[in-house]
């Protein structure tokens, strides 16, 4: 399994809007991809800025390509998300999952 990690930042006043976008639009798209195994969206506020960390899990690179396209090392940031984020990682990090524990 592969973990795909990405960061995006926004203002505290727009953070709920991005979180809603992720919970609805992004989650719906991900659920339709064969090989998708789950996602986590982490939220960290520091002053007036919020950093989101998205970690998505896929069975293999082919599943990631189904989501991100052939140039899967680059972030997928929809126009709706670009309107509320102040900046984001242009590239994502892919790591092999060594241990995956669920409750």
C-alpha atoms as a PDB file:
ATOM      1  CA  UNK A   1       0.000   0.000   0.000  1.00  0.00           C
ATOM      2  CA  UNK A   2       1.125   3.548  -0.751  1.00  0.00           C
ATOM      3  CA  UNK A   3       0.421   6.693   1.302  1.00  0.00           C
ATOM      4  CA  UNK A   4       0.133   9.944  -0.669  1.00  0.00           C
ATOM      5  CA  UNK A   5       0.766  13.015   1.512  1.00  0.00           C
ATOM      6  CA  UNK A   6       0.046  16.632   0.621  1.00  0.00           C
ATOM      7  CA  UNK A   7      -0.257  19.972   2.493  1.00  0.00           C
ATOM      8  CA  UNK A   8      -2.418  23.003   1.847  1.00  0.00           C
ATOM      9  CA  UNK A   9      -2.789  26.220   3.835  1.00  0.00           C
ATOM     10  CA  UNK A  10      -5.620  28.680   4.233  1.00  0.00           C
ATOM     11  CA  UNK A  11      -6.878  31.354   6.576  1.00  0.00           C
ATOM     12  CA  UNK A  12      -8.768  30.387   9.717  1.00  0.00           C
ATOM     13  CA  UNK A  13     -11.870  32.047   8.276  1.00  0.00           C
ATOM     14  CA  UNK A  14     -11.832  29.809   5.165  1.00  0.00           C
ATOM     15  CA  UNK A  15     -10.705  26.547   6.769  1.00  0.00           C
ATOM     16  CA  UNK A  16     -14.212  25.170   7.267  1.00  0.00           C
ATOM     17  CA  UNK A  17     -14.953  25.789   3.601  1.00  0.00           C
ATOM     18  CA  UNK A  18     -11.918  23.787   2.480  1.00  0.00           C
ATOM     19  CA  UNK A  19     -12.708  21.017   4.953  1.00  0.00           C
ATOM     20  CA  UNK A  20     -16.247  20.802   3.567  1.00  0.00           C
ATOM     21  CA  UNK A  21     -14.852  20.628   0.015  1.00  0.00           C
ATOM     22  CA  UNK A  22     -12.589  17.736   1.021  1.00  0.00           C
ATOM     23  CA  UNK A  23     -15.379  15.890   2.843  1.00  0.00           C
ATOM     24  CA  UNK A  24     -17.757  16.140  -0.089  1.00  0.00           C
ATOM     25  CA  UNK A  25     -16.046  16.621  -3.450  1.00  0.00           C
ATOM     26  CA  UNK A  26     -12.650  15.017  -2.817  1.00  0.00           C
ATOM     27  CA  UNK A  27     -14.005  12.110  -0.749  1.00  0.00           C
ATOM     28  CA  UNK A  28     -16.649  11.313  -3.358  1.00  0.00           C
ATOM     29  CA  UNK A  29     -14.060  11.251  -6.142  1.00  0.00           C
ATOM     30  CA  UNK A  30     -11.677   9.089  -4.119  1.00  0.00           C
ATOM     31  CA  UNK A  31     -14.366   6.539  -3.232  1.00  0.00           C
ATOM     32  CA  UNK A  32     -14.938   5.907  -6.939  1.00  0.00           C
ATOM     33  CA  UNK A  33     -11.336   4.860  -7.609  1.00  0.00           C
ATOM     34  CA  UNK A  34     -10.512   1.147  -7.608  1.00  0.00           C
ATOM     35  CA  UNK A  35      -7.570   0.636  -5.291  1.00  0.00           C
ATOM     36  CA  UNK A  36      -8.418   3.544  -2.979  1.00  0.00           C
ATOM     37  CA  UNK A  37      -8.036   2.358   0.623  1.00  0.00           C
ATOM     38  CA  UNK A  38      -8.857   5.397   2.752  1.00  0.00           C
ATOM     39  CA  UNK A  39      -8.001   8.993   3.550  1.00  0.00           C
ATOM     40  CA  UNK A  40      -7.278  11.227   6.505  1.00  0.00           C
ATOM     41  CA  UNK A  41      -7.416  15.010   6.584  1.00  0.00           C
ATOM     42  CA  UNK A  42      -5.444  16.530   9.435  1.00  0.00           C
ATOM     43  CA  UNK A  43      -6.009  20.130  10.519  1.00  0.00           C
ATOM     44  CA  UNK A  44      -3.571  22.323  12.441  1.00  0.00           C
ATOM     45  CA  UNK A  45      -4.238  25.952  13.323  1.00  0.00           C
ATOM     46  CA  UNK A  46      -1.429  28.347  14.180  1.00  0.00           C
ATOM     47  CA  UNK A  47      -2.626  31.892  14.699  1.00  0.00           C
ATOM     48  CA  UNK A  48      -4.780  32.950  11.780  1.00  0.00           C
ATOM     49  CA  UNK A  49      -3.509  30.213   9.441  1.00  0.00           C
ATOM     50  CA  UNK A  50      -4.642  26.600   9.095  1.00  0.00           C
ATOM     51  CA  UNK A  51      -2.496  23.854   7.589  1.00  0.00           C
ATOM     52  CA  UNK A  52      -4.255  20.798   6.196  1.00  0.00           C
ATOM     53  CA  UNK A  53      -2.407  17.536   5.711  1.00  0.00           C
ATOM     54  CA  UNK A  54      -4.096  15.071   3.385  1.00  0.00           C
ATOM     55  CA  UNK A  55      -2.991  11.451   3.564  1.00  0.00           C
ATOM     56  CA  UNK A  56      -4.617   9.125   1.064  1.00  0.00           C
ATOM     57  CA  UNK A  57      -3.978   5.408   0.801  1.00  0.00           C
ATOM     58  CA  UNK A  58      -3.890   3.427  -2.432  1.00  0.00           C
ATOM     59  CA  UNK A  59      -3.064  -0.191  -3.255  1.00  0.00           C
ATOM     60  CA  UNK A  60      -0.512   0.718  -5.925  1.00  0.00           C
ATOM     61  CA  UNK A  61       0.730   3.359  -8.366  1.00  0.00           C
ATOM     62  CA  UNK A  62      -1.926   2.444 -10.933  1.00  0.00           C
ATOM     63  CA  UNK A  63      -4.625   3.396  -8.417  1.00  0.00           C
ATOM     64  CA  UNK A  64      -2.843   6.696  -7.764  1.00  0.00           C
ATOM     65  CA  UNK A  65      -2.695   7.357 -11.516  1.00  0.00           C
ATOM     66  CA  UNK A  66      -6.461   6.782 -11.708  1.00  0.00           C
ATOM     67  CA  UNK A  67      -6.820   9.703  -9.290  1.00  0.00           C
ATOM     68  CA  UNK A  68      -3.954  12.010 -10.271  1.00  0.00           C
ATOM     69  CA  UNK A  69      -3.127  11.121 -13.865  1.00  0.00           C
ATOM     70  CA  UNK A  70       0.174  10.081 -15.398  1.00  0.00           C
ATOM     71  CA  UNK A  71       2.111  12.864 -13.663  1.00  0.00           C
ATOM     72  CA  UNK A  72       0.953  11.619 -10.276  1.00  0.00           C
ATOM     73  CA  UNK A  73       3.852  13.265  -8.408  1.00  0.00           C
ATOM     74  CA  UNK A  74       2.026  16.584  -8.762  1.00  0.00           C
ATOM     75  CA  UNK A  75      -0.814  17.738  -6.529  1.00  0.00           C
ATOM     76  CA  UNK A  76      -4.426  17.568  -7.627  1.00  0.00           C
ATOM     77  CA  UNK A  77      -5.994  20.863  -6.501  1.00  0.00           C
ATOM     78  CA  UNK A  78      -9.432  21.577  -7.921  1.00  0.00           C
ATOM     79  CA  UNK A  79     -10.417  25.118  -8.891  1.00  0.00           C
ATOM     80  CA  UNK A  80     -12.870  25.269  -5.969  1.00  0.00           C
ATOM     81  CA  UNK A  81     -10.021  24.454  -3.551  1.00  0.00           C
ATOM     82  CA  UNK A  82      -7.681  26.980  -5.186  1.00  0.00           C
ATOM     83  CA  UNK A  83     -10.193  29.707  -4.350  1.00  0.00           C
ATOM     84  CA  UNK A  84      -9.905  29.106  -0.598  1.00  0.00           C
ATOM     85  CA  UNK A  85      -6.322  27.904  -0.164  1.00  0.00           C
ATOM     86  CA  UNK A  86      -3.602  30.522   0.166  1.00  0.00           C
ATOM     87  CA  UNK A  87      -0.850  28.087  -0.868  1.00  0.00           C
ATOM     88  CA  UNK A  88      -0.233  24.373  -1.281  1.00  0.00           C
ATOM     89  CA  UNK A  89       2.429  21.810  -2.050  1.00  0.00           C
ATOM     90  CA  UNK A  90       2.832  21.539  -5.811  1.00  0.00           C
ATOM     91  CA  UNK A  91       4.292  18.063  -5.414  1.00  0.00           C
ATOM     92  CA  UNK A  92       3.123  15.234  -3.195  1.00  0.00           C
ATOM     93  CA  UNK A  93       5.105  12.629  -1.285  1.00  0.00           C
ATOM     94  CA  UNK A  94       4.531   8.914  -1.804  1.00  0.00           C
ATOM     95  CA  UNK A  95       5.629   6.448   0.870  1.00  0.00           C
ATOM     96  CA  UNK A  96       5.271   2.712   1.109  1.00  0.00           C
ATOM     97  CA  UNK A  97       3.129   1.876   4.125  1.00  0.00           C
ATOM     98  CA  UNK A  98       5.188  -0.366   6.390  1.00  0.00           C
ATOM     99  CA  UNK A  99       2.533  -0.867   9.088  1.00  0.00           C
ATOM    100  CA  UNK A 100      -1.158   0.029   8.922  1.00  0.00           C
ATOM    101  CA  UNK A 101      -3.081  -0.354  12.173  1.00  0.00           C
ATOM    102  CA  UNK A 102      -6.804   0.214  12.503  1.00  0.00           C
ATOM    103  CA  UNK A 103      -8.955   0.126  15.595  1.00  0.00           C
END
